[in-house]
Amino acid sequence: MSSREELAARQAELLRALLAGGPPPAGFDSGRVAAEVLALRAKRRSIVADLRPDLFRTLGDRFRPLFDAYAEATPRTDGTGYRQDAANFAAWLADRGELPRRRWWSRFTR
């Protein structure tokens, strides 16, 4: 394997550890990798909260733990933008019954 291929493989390992819950690559401090995972998840959570303040308001104190469960179960993939991530989170919540059902008359009272 060439040094370029080795580097690409190590970078892929690091990305899996940071974004998809993979183990830290050999030679990386597991505590630092874990801290970075938390920081990246917090950034993702904050952006989704900004994009979907309705979800943030509706869920209140449940937003963070629910988002963290979603993020752990569904890492962002290459090409998935934050707007799509926010929509996927809303769908994930709805599938689990975490959002209140909209009443038919609510669309007339907005």
PDB file of N, CA and C in Angstrom:
ATOM      1  N   MET A   1       0.850  -1.167   0.000  1.00  0.00           N
ATOM      2  CA  MET A   1       0.000   0.000   0.000  1.00  0.00           C
ATOM      3  C   MET A   1       0.906   1.245   0.000  1.00  0.00           C
ATOM      4  N   SER A   2       0.592   2.193  -0.862  1.00  0.00           N
ATOM      5  CA  SER A   2       1.405   3.407  -0.940  1.00  0.00           C
ATOM      6  C   SER A   2       1.128   4.299   0.265  1.00  0.00           C
ATOM      7  N   SER A   3       2.023   5.234   0.508  1.00  0.00           N
ATOM      8  CA  SER A   3       1.835   6.142   1.643  1.00  0.00           C
ATOM      9  C   SER A   3       0.572   6.983   1.464  1.00  0.00           C
ATOM     10  N   ARG A   4       0.229   7.301   0.238  1.00  0.00           N
ATOM     11  CA  ARG A   4      -0.999   8.062  -0.030  1.00  0.00           C
ATOM     12  C   ARG A   4      -2.234   7.219   0.333  1.00  0.00           C
ATOM     13  N   GLU A   5      -2.219   5.957  -0.036  1.00  0.00           N
ATOM     14  CA  GLU A   5      -3.331   5.061   0.296  1.00  0.00           C
ATOM     15  C   GLU A   5      -3.417   4.836   1.802  1.00  0.00           C
ATOM     16  N   GLU A   6      -2.252   4.717   2.452  1.00  0.00           N
ATOM     17  CA  GLU A   6      -2.223   4.566   3.908  1.00  0.00           C
ATOM     18  C   GLU A   6      -2.838   5.781   4.592  1.00  0.00           C
ATOM     19  N   LEU A   7      -2.448   6.952   4.135  1.00  0.00           N
ATOM     20  CA  LEU A   7      -2.987   8.191   4.699  1.00  0.00           C
ATOM     21  C   LEU A   7      -4.496   8.252   4.509  1.00  0.00           C
ATOM     22  N   ALA A   8      -4.968   7.911   3.335  1.00  0.00           N
ATOM     23  CA  ALA A   8      -6.410   7.916   3.064  1.00  0.00           C
ATOM     24  C   ALA A   8      -7.138   6.928   3.977  1.00  0.00           C
ATOM     25  N   ALA A   9      -6.549   5.767   4.195  1.00  0.00           N
ATOM     26  CA  ALA A   9      -7.169   4.767   5.069  1.00  0.00           C
ATOM     27  C   ALA A   9      -7.220   5.270   6.514  1.00  0.00           C
ATOM     28  N   ARG A  10      -6.141   5.899   6.968  1.00  0.00           N
ATOM     29  CA  ARG A  10      -6.112   6.439   8.341  1.00  0.00           C
ATOM     30  C   ARG A  10      -7.123   7.577   8.491  1.00  0.00           C
ATOM     31  N   GLN A  11      -7.237   8.421   7.475  1.00  0.00           N
ATOM     32  CA  GLN A  11      -8.215   9.504   7.529  1.00  0.00           C
ATOM     33  C   GLN A  11      -9.634   8.941   7.588  1.00  0.00           C
ATOM     34  N   ALA A  12      -9.894   7.905   6.817  1.00  0.00           N
ATOM     35  CA  ALA A  12     -11.219   7.267   6.829  1.00  0.00           C
ATOM     36  C   ALA A  12     -11.514   6.680   8.209  1.00  0.00           C
ATOM     37  N   GLU A  13     -10.493   6.068   8.839  1.00  0.00           N
ATOM     38  CA  GLU A  13     -10.667   5.530  10.202  1.00  0.00           C
ATOM     39  C   GLU A  13     -11.016   6.646  11.185  1.00  0.00           C
ATOM     40  N   LEU A  14     -10.313   7.764  11.065  1.00  0.00           N
ATOM     41  CA  LEU A  14     -10.563   8.878  11.967  1.00  0.00           C
ATOM     42  C   LEU A  14     -11.964   9.446  11.756  1.00  0.00           C
ATOM     43  N   LEU A  15     -12.382   9.584  10.508  1.00  0.00           N
ATOM     44  CA  LEU A  15     -13.734  10.075  10.243  1.00  0.00           C
ATOM     45  C   LEU A  15     -14.793   9.127  10.798  1.00  0.00           C
ATOM     46  N   ARG A  16     -14.573   7.822  10.651  1.00  0.00           N
ATOM     47  CA  ARG A  16     -15.525   6.855  11.234  1.00  0.00           C
ATOM     48  C   ARG A  16     -15.604   7.020  12.739  1.00  0.00           C
ATOM     49  N   ALA A  17     -14.469   7.253  13.372  1.00  0.00           N
ATOM     50  CA  ALA A  17     -14.452   7.437  14.824  1.00  0.00           C
ATOM     51  C   ALA A  17     -15.170   8.726  15.223  1.00  0.00           C
ATOM     52  N   LEU A  18     -14.972   9.782  14.461  1.00  0.00           N
ATOM     53  CA  LEU A  18     -15.556  11.079  14.810  1.00  0.00           C
ATOM     54  C   LEU A  18     -17.038  11.171  14.471  1.00  0.00           C
ATOM     55  N   LEU A  19     -17.438  10.565  13.365  1.00  0.00           N
ATOM     56  CA  LEU A  19     -18.799  10.787  12.875  1.00  0.00           C
ATOM     57  C   LEU A  19     -19.718   9.581  12.954  1.00  0.00           C
ATOM     58  N   ALA A  20     -19.156   8.395  13.034  1.00  0.00           N
ATOM     59  CA  ALA A  20     -20.006   7.204  12.949  1.00  0.00           C
ATOM     60  C   ALA A  20     -19.818   6.235  14.110  1.00  0.00           C
ATOM     61  N   GLY A  21     -19.199   6.690  15.186  1.00  0.00           N
ATOM     62  CA  GLY A  21     -19.086   5.848  16.365  1.00  0.00           C
ATOM     63  C   GLY A  21     -18.052   4.754  16.283  1.00  0.00           C
ATOM     64  N   GLY A  22     -17.147   4.855  15.329  1.00  0.00           N
ATOM     65  CA  GLY A  22     -16.095   3.851  15.217  1.00  0.00           C
ATOM     66  C   GLY A  22     -15.046   4.017  16.303  1.00  0.00           C
ATOM     67  N   PRO A  23     -14.192   3.019  16.473  1.00  0.00           N
ATOM     68  CA  PRO A  23     -13.130   3.122  17.482  1.00  0.00           C
ATOM     69  C   PRO A  23     -12.055   4.106  17.022  1.00  0.00           C
ATOM     70  N   PRO A  24     -11.387   4.755  17.963  1.00  0.00           N
ATOM     71  CA  PRO A  24     -10.296   5.657  17.580  1.00  0.00           C
ATOM     72  C   PRO A  24      -9.176   4.868  16.896  1.00  0.00           C
ATOM     73  N   PRO A  25      -8.601   5.440  15.846  1.00  0.00           N
ATOM     74  CA  PRO A  25      -7.496   4.745  15.176  1.00  0.00           C
ATOM     75  C   PRO A  25      -6.292   4.598  16.103  1.00  0.00           C
ATOM     76  N   ALA A  26      -5.474   3.613  15.820  1.00  0.00           N
ATOM     77  CA  ALA A  26      -4.245   3.407  16.595  1.00  0.00           C
ATOM     78  C   ALA A  26      -3.414   4.683  16.576  1.00  0.00           C
ATOM     79  N   GLY A  27      -2.901   5.028  17.726  1.00  0.00           N
ATOM     80  CA  GLY A  27      -2.052   6.204  17.822  1.00  0.00           C
ATOM     81  C   GLY A  27      -2.794   7.476  18.193  1.00  0.00           C
ATOM     82  N   PHE A  28      -4.124   7.440  18.233  1.00  0.00           N
ATOM     83  CA  PHE A  28      -4.914   8.611  18.614  1.00  0.00           C
ATOM     84  C   PHE A  28      -5.362   8.471  20.057  1.00  0.00           C
ATOM     85  N   ASP A  29      -5.340   9.555  20.773  1.00  0.00           N
ATOM     86  CA  ASP A  29      -5.781   9.589  22.163  1.00  0.00           C
ATOM     87  C   ASP A  29      -7.301   9.423  22.191  1.00  0.00           C
ATOM     88  N   SER A  30      -7.766   8.340  22.807  1.00  0.00           N
ATOM     89  CA  SER A  30      -9.210   8.062  22.809  1.00  0.00           C
ATOM     90  C   SER A  30     -10.003   9.143  23.550  1.00  0.00           C
ATOM     91  N   GLY A  31      -9.413   9.745  24.585  1.00  0.00           N
ATOM     92  CA  GLY A  31     -10.094  10.821  25.304  1.00  0.00           C
ATOM     93  C   GLY A  31     -10.292  12.050  24.435  1.00  0.00           C
ATOM     94  N   ARG A  32      -9.287  12.376  23.656  1.00  0.00           N
ATOM     95  CA  ARG A  32      -9.397  13.538  22.758  1.00  0.00           C
ATOM     96  C   ARG A  32     -10.379  13.277  21.625  1.00  0.00           C
ATOM     97  N   VAL A  33     -10.373  12.061  21.113  1.00  0.00           N
ATOM     98  CA  VAL A  33     -11.326  11.716  20.060  1.00  0.00           C
ATOM     99  C   VAL A  33     -12.749  11.800  20.623  1.00  0.00           C
ATOM    100  N   ALA A  34     -12.962  11.279  21.830  1.00  0.00           N
ATOM    101  CA  ALA A  34     -14.288  11.336  22.459  1.00  0.00           C
ATOM    102  C   ALA A  34     -14.728  12.782  22.685  1.00  0.00           C
ATOM    103  N   ALA A  35     -13.812  13.630  23.097  1.00  0.00           N
ATOM    104  CA  ALA A  35     -14.137  15.046  23.295  1.00  0.00           C
ATOM    105  C   ALA A  35     -14.530  15.705  21.974  1.00  0.00           C
ATOM    106  N   GLU A  36     -13.840  15.367  20.918  1.00  0.00           N
ATOM    107  CA  GLU A  36     -14.163  15.932  19.599  1.00  0.00           C
ATOM    108  C   GLU A  36     -15.514  15.426  19.100  1.00  0.00           C
ATOM    109  N   VAL A  37     -15.815  14.156  19.375  1.00  0.00           N
ATOM    110  CA  VAL A  37     -17.129  13.607  19.009  1.00  0.00           C
ATOM    111  C   VAL A  37     -18.224  14.422  19.678  1.00  0.00           C
ATOM    112  N   LEU A  38     -18.063  14.711  20.969  1.00  0.00           N
ATOM    113  CA  LEU A  38     -19.066  15.504  21.692  1.00  0.00           C
ATOM    114  C   LEU A  38     -19.179  16.911  21.124  1.00  0.00           C
ATOM    115  N   ALA A  39     -18.048  17.512  20.775  1.00  0.00           N
ATOM    116  CA  ALA A  39     -18.063  18.867  20.214  1.00  0.00           C
ATOM    117  C   ALA A  39     -18.768  18.895  18.850  1.00  0.00           C
ATOM    118  N   LEU A  40     -18.478  17.915  18.011  1.00  0.00           N
ATOM    119  CA  LEU A  40     -19.125  17.860  16.702  1.00  0.00           C
ATOM    120  C   LEU A  40     -20.622  17.605  16.827  1.00  0.00           C
ATOM    121  N   ARG A  41     -21.001  16.756  17.774  1.00  0.00           N
ATOM    122  CA  ARG A  41     -22.428  16.491  17.991  1.00  0.00           C
ATOM    123  C   ARG A  41     -23.138  17.744  18.509  1.00  0.00           C
ATOM    124  N   ALA A  42     -22.478  18.489  19.390  1.00  0.00           N
ATOM    125  CA  ALA A  42     -23.071  19.723  19.911  1.00  0.00           C
ATOM    126  C   ALA A  42     -23.255  20.742  18.786  1.00  0.00           C
ATOM    127  N   LYS A  43     -22.282  20.831  17.895  1.00  0.00           N
ATOM    128  CA  LYS A  43     -22.395  21.748  16.756  1.00  0.00           C
ATOM    129  C   LYS A  43     -23.567  21.332  15.869  1.00  0.00           C
ATOM    130  N   ARG A  44     -23.672  20.057  15.576  1.00  0.00           N
ATOM    131  CA  ARG A  44     -24.758  19.539  14.744  1.00  0.00           C
ATOM    132  C   ARG A  44     -26.111  19.808  15.402  1.00  0.00           C
ATOM    133  N   ARG A  45     -26.182  19.570  16.718  1.00  0.00           N
ATOM    134  CA  ARG A  45     -27.416  19.799  17.470  1.00  0.00           C
ATOM    135  C   ARG A  45     -27.814  21.274  17.418  1.00  0.00           C
ATOM    136  N   SER A  46     -26.843  22.151  17.600  1.00  0.00           N
ATOM    137  CA  SER A  46     -27.100  23.590  17.597  1.00  0.00           C
ATOM    138  C   SER A  46     -27.610  24.065  16.236  1.00  0.00           C
ATOM    139  N   ILE A  47     -27.008  23.558  15.173  1.00  0.00           N
ATOM    140  CA  ILE A  47     -27.444  23.962  13.833  1.00  0.00           C
ATOM    141  C   ILE A  47     -28.865  23.477  13.561  1.00  0.00           C
ATOM    142  N   VAL A  48     -29.162  22.249  13.938  1.00  0.00           N
ATOM    143  CA  VAL A  48     -30.512  21.725  13.739  1.00  0.00           C
ATOM    144  C   VAL A  48     -31.513  22.524  14.577  1.00  0.00           C
ATOM    145  N   ALA A  49     -31.149  22.900  15.793  1.00  0.00           N
ATOM    146  CA  ALA A  49     -32.036  23.717  16.635  1.00  0.00           C
ATOM    147  C   ALA A  49     -32.290  25.076  15.985  1.00  0.00           C
ATOM    148  N   ASP A  50     -31.259  25.647  15.357  1.00  0.00           N
ATOM    149  CA  ASP A  50     -31.433  26.928  14.666  1.00  0.00           C
ATOM    150  C   ASP A  50     -32.318  26.795  13.431  1.00  0.00           C
ATOM    151  N   LEU A  51     -32.175  25.676  12.723  1.00  0.00           N
ATOM    152  CA  LEU A  51     -32.963  25.454  11.513  1.00  0.00           C
ATOM    153  C   LEU A  51     -34.411  25.065  11.815  1.00  0.00           C
ATOM    154  N   ARG A  52     -34.620  24.406  12.944  1.00  0.00           N
ATOM    155  CA  ARG A  52     -35.964  23.943  13.316  1.00  0.00           C
ATOM    156  C   ARG A  52     -36.312  24.378  14.732  1.00  0.00           C
ATOM    157  N   PRO A  53     -36.473  25.692  14.943  1.00  0.00           N
ATOM    158  CA  PRO A  53     -36.804  26.160  16.289  1.00  0.00           C
ATOM    159  C   PRO A  53     -38.139  25.603  16.792  1.00  0.00           C
ATOM    160  N   ASP A  54     -39.013  25.197  15.864  1.00  0.00           N
ATOM    161  CA  ASP A  54     -40.276  24.585  16.272  1.00  0.00           C
ATOM    162  C   ASP A  54     -40.024  23.278  17.026  1.00  0.00           C
ATOM    163  N   LEU A  55     -39.069  22.493  16.550  1.00  0.00           N
ATOM    164  CA  LEU A  55     -38.738  21.247  17.248  1.00  0.00           C
ATOM    165  C   LEU A  55     -38.100  21.538  18.593  1.00  0.00           C
ATOM    166  N   PHE A  56     -37.211  22.515  18.614  1.00  0.00           N
ATOM    167  CA  PHE A  56     -36.542  22.898  19.850  1.00  0.00           C
ATOM    168  C   PHE A  56     -37.561  23.339  20.899  1.00  0.00           C
ATOM    169  N   ARG A  57     -38.516  24.175  20.495  1.00  0.00           N
ATOM    170  CA  ARG A  57     -39.559  24.648  21.429  1.00  0.00           C
ATOM    171  C   ARG A  57     -40.467  23.506  21.868  1.00  0.00           C
ATOM    172  N   THR A  58     -40.890  22.700  20.920  1.00  0.00           N
ATOM    173  CA  THR A  58     -41.831  21.611  21.226  1.00  0.00           C
ATOM    174  C   THR A  58     -41.224  20.591  22.178  1.00  0.00           C
ATOM    175  N   LEU A  59     -39.960  20.255  21.952  1.00  0.00           N
ATOM    176  CA  LEU A  59     -39.324  19.219  22.761  1.00  0.00           C
ATOM    177  C   LEU A  59     -38.783  19.732  24.092  1.00  0.00           C
ATOM    178  N   GLY A  60     -38.454  21.023  24.159  1.00  0.00           N
ATOM    179  CA  GLY A  60     -37.935  21.588  25.406  1.00  0.00           C
ATOM    180  C   GLY A  60     -36.705  20.841  25.896  1.00  0.00           C
ATOM    181  N   ASP A  61     -36.736  20.410  27.149  1.00  0.00           N
ATOM    182  CA  ASP A  61     -35.589  19.715  27.763  1.00  0.00           C
ATOM    183  C   ASP A  61     -35.299  18.361  27.115  1.00  0.00           C
ATOM    184  N   ARG A  62     -36.239  17.847  26.355  1.00  0.00           N
ATOM    185  CA  ARG A  62     -36.031  16.553  25.698  1.00  0.00           C
ATOM    186  C   ARG A  62     -35.249  16.675  24.392  1.00  0.00           C
ATOM    187  N   PHE A  63     -35.081  17.919  23.897  1.00  0.00           N
ATOM    188  CA  PHE A  63     -34.407  18.103  22.606  1.00  0.00           C
ATOM    189  C   PHE A  63     -33.013  17.487  22.605  1.00  0.00           C
ATOM    190  N   ARG A  64     -32.213  17.840  23.593  1.00  0.00           N
ATOM    191  CA  ARG A  64     -30.822  17.372  23.602  1.00  0.00           C
ATOM    192  C   ARG A  64     -30.705  15.850  23.653  1.00  0.00           C
ATOM    193  N   PRO A  65     -31.337  15.179  24.624  1.00  0.00           N
ATOM    194  CA  PRO A  65     -31.164  13.717  24.646  1.00  0.00           C
ATOM    195  C   PRO A  65     -31.761  13.027  23.419  1.00  0.00           C
ATOM    196  N   LEU A  66     -32.866  13.545  22.913  1.00  0.00           N
ATOM    197  CA  LEU A  66     -33.444  12.932  21.718  1.00  0.00           C
ATOM    198  C   LEU A  66     -32.546  13.164  20.505  1.00  0.00           C
ATOM    199  N   PHE A  67     -32.018  14.376  20.372  1.00  0.00           N
ATOM    200  CA  PHE A  67     -31.133  14.624  19.242  1.00  0.00           C
ATOM    201  C   PHE A  67     -29.881  13.763  19.345  1.00  0.00           C
ATOM    202  N   ASP A  68     -29.333  13.648  20.534  1.00  0.00           N
ATOM    203  CA  ASP A  68     -28.124  12.838  20.701  1.00  0.00           C
ATOM    204  C   ASP A  68     -28.377  11.374  20.348  1.00  0.00           C
ATOM    205  N   ALA A  69     -29.548  10.853  20.715  1.00  0.00           N
ATOM    206  CA  ALA A  69     -29.903   9.478  20.347  1.00  0.00           C
ATOM    207  C   ALA A  69     -30.027   9.355  18.826  1.00  0.00           C
ATOM    208  N   TYR A  70     -30.664  10.349  18.213  1.00  0.00           N
ATOM    209  CA  TYR A  70     -30.787  10.370  16.749  1.00  0.00           C
ATOM    210  C   TYR A  70     -29.409  10.426  16.092  1.00  0.00           C
ATOM    211  N   ALA A  71     -28.556  11.333  16.571  1.00  0.00           N
ATOM    212  CA  ALA A  71     -27.228  11.515  15.967  1.00  0.00           C
ATOM    213  C   ALA A  71     -26.382  10.258  16.102  1.00  0.00           C
ATOM    214  N   GLU A  72     -26.499   9.582  17.218  1.00  0.00           N
ATOM    215  CA  GLU A  72     -25.739   8.346  17.410  1.00  0.00           C
ATOM    216  C   GLU A  72     -26.242   7.252  16.475  1.00  0.00           C
ATOM    217  N   ALA A  73     -27.551   7.213  16.282  1.00  0.00           N
ATOM    218  CA  ALA A  73     -28.144   6.176  15.430  1.00  0.00           C
ATOM    219  C   ALA A  73     -27.984   6.485  13.944  1.00  0.00           C
ATOM    220  N   THR A  74     -27.877   7.769  13.587  1.00  0.00           N
ATOM    221  CA  THR A  74     -27.832   8.156  12.184  1.00  0.00           C
ATOM    222  C   THR A  74     -26.744   9.195  11.941  1.00  0.00           C
ATOM    223  N   PRO A  75     -25.519   8.742  11.790  1.00  0.00           N
ATOM    224  CA  PRO A  75     -24.455   9.707  11.500  1.00  0.00           C
ATOM    225  C   PRO A  75     -24.704  10.382  10.158  1.00  0.00           C
ATOM    226  N   ARG A  76     -24.292  11.643  10.059  1.00  0.00           N
ATOM    227  CA  ARG A  76     -24.417  12.342   8.779  1.00  0.00           C
ATOM    228  C   ARG A  76     -23.537  11.663   7.755  1.00  0.00           C
ATOM    229  N   THR A  77     -24.038  11.600   6.550  1.00  0.00           N
ATOM    230  CA  THR A  77     -23.264  11.018   5.471  1.00  0.00           C
ATOM    231  C   THR A  77     -22.812  12.120   4.521  1.00  0.00           C
ATOM    232  N   ASP A  78     -21.826  11.808   3.745  1.00  0.00           N
ATOM    233  CA  ASP A  78     -21.289  12.760   2.787  1.00  0.00           C
ATOM    234  C   ASP A  78     -22.409  13.219   1.852  1.00  0.00           C
ATOM    235  N   GLY A  79     -22.550  14.516   1.716  1.00  0.00           N
ATOM    236  CA  GLY A  79     -23.566  15.066   0.833  1.00  0.00           C
ATOM    237  C   GLY A  79     -24.881  15.391   1.517  1.00  0.00           C
ATOM    238  N   THR A  80     -25.057  14.992   2.770  1.00  0.00           N
ATOM    239  CA  THR A  80     -26.277  15.321   3.500  1.00  0.00           C
ATOM    240  C   THR A  80     -26.082  16.677   4.146  1.00  0.00           C
ATOM    241  N   GLY A  81     -26.875  17.648   3.714  1.00  0.00           N
ATOM    242  CA  GLY A  81     -26.785  18.989   4.281  1.00  0.00           C
ATOM    243  C   GLY A  81     -27.513  19.074   5.607  1.00  0.00           C
ATOM    244  N   TYR A  82     -27.316  20.196   6.284  1.00  0.00           N
ATOM    245  CA  TYR A  82     -27.945  20.371   7.592  1.00  0.00           C
ATOM    246  C   TYR A  82     -29.464  20.485   7.491  1.00  0.00           C
ATOM    247  N   ARG A  83     -29.979  21.076   6.431  1.00  0.00           N
ATOM    248  CA  ARG A  83     -31.447  21.153   6.279  1.00  0.00           C
ATOM    249  C   ARG A  83     -32.046  19.754   6.154  1.00  0.00           C
ATOM    250  N   GLN A  84     -31.388  18.902   5.386  1.00  0.00           N
ATOM    251  CA  GLN A  84     -31.853  17.523   5.262  1.00  0.00           C
ATOM    252  C   GLN A  84     -31.708  16.791   6.590  1.00  0.00           C
ATOM    253  N   ASP A  85     -30.632  17.058   7.311  1.00  0.00           N
ATOM    254  CA  ASP A  85     -30.427  16.448   8.622  1.00  0.00           C
ATOM    255  C   ASP A  85     -31.565  16.841   9.566  1.00  0.00           C
ATOM    256  N   ALA A  86     -31.948  18.121   9.535  1.00  0.00           N
ATOM    257  CA  ALA A  86     -33.045  18.589  10.381  1.00  0.00           C
ATOM    258  C   ALA A  86     -34.356  17.906   9.984  1.00  0.00           C
ATOM    259  N   ALA A  87     -34.597  17.763   8.698  1.00  0.00           N
ATOM    260  CA  ALA A  87     -35.813  17.077   8.232  1.00  0.00           C
ATOM    261  C   ALA A  87     -35.783  15.605   8.632  1.00  0.00           C
ATOM    262  N   ASN A  88     -34.619  14.986   8.535  1.00  0.00           N
ATOM    263  CA  ASN A  88     -34.488  13.577   8.944  1.00  0.00           C
ATOM    264  C   ASN A  88     -34.738  13.422  10.446  1.00  0.00           C
ATOM    265  N   PHE A  89     -34.261  14.378  11.229  1.00  0.00           N
ATOM    266  CA  PHE A  89     -34.494  14.340  12.675  1.00  0.00           C
ATOM    267  C   PHE A  89     -35.988  14.442  12.970  1.00  0.00           C
ATOM    268  N   ALA A  90     -36.679  15.352  12.298  1.00  0.00           N
ATOM    269  CA  ALA A  90     -38.128  15.500  12.498  1.00  0.00           C
ATOM    270  C   ALA A  90     -38.850  14.202  12.144  1.00  0.00           C
ATOM    271  N   ALA A  91     -38.450  13.573  11.038  1.00  0.00           N
ATOM    272  CA  ALA A  91     -39.070  12.305  10.643  1.00  0.00           C
ATOM    273  C   ALA A  91     -38.767  11.209  11.657  1.00  0.00           C
ATOM    274  N   TRP A  92     -37.537  11.193  12.172  1.00  0.00           N
ATOM    275  CA  TRP A  92     -37.133  10.220  13.191  1.00  0.00           C
ATOM    276  C   TRP A  92     -37.994  10.395  14.439  1.00  0.00           C
ATOM    277  N   LEU A  93     -38.216  11.638  14.837  1.00  0.00           N
ATOM    278  CA  LEU A  93     -39.062  11.920  16.003  1.00  0.00           C
ATOM    279  C   LEU A  93     -40.496  11.455  15.763  1.00  0.00           C
ATOM    280  N   ALA A  94     -41.026  11.775  14.597  1.00  0.00           N
ATOM    281  CA  ALA A  94     -42.401  11.402  14.272  1.00  0.00           C
ATOM    282  C   ALA A  94     -42.569   9.885  14.254  1.00  0.00           C
ATOM    283  N   ASP A  95     -41.592   9.189  13.680  1.00  0.00           N
ATOM    284  CA  ASP A  95     -41.656   7.722  13.633  1.00  0.00           C
ATOM    285  C   ASP A  95     -41.701   7.103  15.024  1.00  0.00           C
ATOM    286  N   ARG A  96     -41.124   7.780  16.002  1.00  0.00           N
ATOM    287  CA  ARG A  96     -41.080   7.267  17.375  1.00  0.00           C
ATOM    288  C   ARG A  96     -42.188   7.829  18.260  1.00  0.00           C
ATOM    289  N   GLY A  97     -43.050   8.636  17.676  1.00  0.00           N
ATOM    290  CA  GLY A  97     -44.155   9.205  18.446  1.00  0.00           C
ATOM    291  C   GLY A  97     -43.721  10.269  19.442  1.00  0.00           C
ATOM    292  N   GLU A  98     -42.600  10.922  19.185  1.00  0.00           N
ATOM    293  CA  GLU A  98     -42.074  11.924  20.114  1.00  0.00           C
ATOM    294  C   GLU A  98     -42.664  13.315  19.890  1.00  0.00           C
ATOM    295  N   LEU A  99     -43.360  13.502  18.780  1.00  0.00           N
ATOM    296  CA  LEU A  99     -43.960  14.804  18.493  1.00  0.00           C
ATOM    297  C   LEU A  99     -45.461  14.723  18.708  1.00  0.00           C
ATOM    298  N   PRO A 100     -46.044  15.782  19.238  1.00  0.00           N
ATOM    299  CA  PRO A 100     -47.499  15.766  19.392  1.00  0.00           C
ATOM    300  C   PRO A 100     -48.153  15.748  18.016  1.00  0.00           C
ATOM    301  N   ARG A 101     -49.259  15.071  17.931  1.00  0.00           N
ATOM    302  CA  ARG A 101     -49.991  15.034  16.659  1.00  0.00           C
ATOM    303  C   ARG A 101     -50.636  16.379  16.411  1.00  0.00           C
ATOM    304  N   ARG A 102     -50.541  16.834  15.179  1.00  0.00           N
ATOM    305  CA  ARG A 102     -51.182  18.102  14.820  1.00  0.00           C
ATOM    306  C   ARG A 102     -52.676  17.865  14.664  1.00  0.00           C
ATOM    307  N   ARG A 103     -53.438  18.746  15.221  1.00  0.00           N
ATOM    308  CA  ARG A 103     -54.888  18.675  15.063  1.00  0.00           C
ATOM    309  C   ARG A 103     -55.259  19.294  13.720  1.00  0.00           C
ATOM    310  N   TRP A 104     -56.312  18.821  13.117  1.00  0.00           N
ATOM    311  CA  TRP A 104     -56.683  19.320  11.796  1.00  0.00           C
ATOM    312  C   TRP A 104     -56.928  20.810  11.797  1.00  0.00           C
ATOM    313  N   TRP A 105     -57.400  21.360  12.915  1.00  0.00           N
ATOM    314  CA  TRP A 105     -57.694  22.783  12.936  1.00  0.00           C
ATOM    315  C   TRP A 105     -56.451  23.640  13.174  1.00  0.00           C
ATOM    316  N   SER A 106     -55.347  23.036  13.566  1.00  0.00           N
ATOM    317  CA  SER A 106     -54.148  23.818  13.870  1.00  0.00           C
ATOM    318  C   SER A 106     -53.594  24.522  12.627  1.00  0.00           C
ATOM    319  N   ARG A 107     -53.833  23.975  11.456  1.00  0.00           N
ATOM    320  CA  ARG A 107     -53.301  24.652  10.272  1.00  0.00           C
ATOM    321  C   ARG A 107     -54.062  25.926   9.963  1.00  0.00           C
ATOM    322  N   PHE A 108     -55.230  26.134  10.603  1.00  0.00           N
ATOM    323  CA  PHE A 108     -55.992  27.363  10.396  1.00  0.00           C
ATOM    324  C   PHE A 108     -55.706  28.412  11.466  1.00  0.00           C
ATOM    325  N   THR A 109     -54.966  28.041  12.490  1.00  0.00           N
ATOM    326  CA  THR A 109     -54.716  28.961  13.605  1.00  0.00           C
ATOM    327  C   THR A 109     -53.291  29.498  13.649  1.00  0.00           C
ATOM    328  N   ARG A 110     -52.510  29.233  12.650  1.00  0.00           N
ATOM    329  CA  ARG A 110     -51.118  29.703  12.643  1.00  0.00           C
ATOM    330  C   ARG A 110     -51.017  31.122  12.215  1.00  0.00           C
TER     331      ARG A 110
END
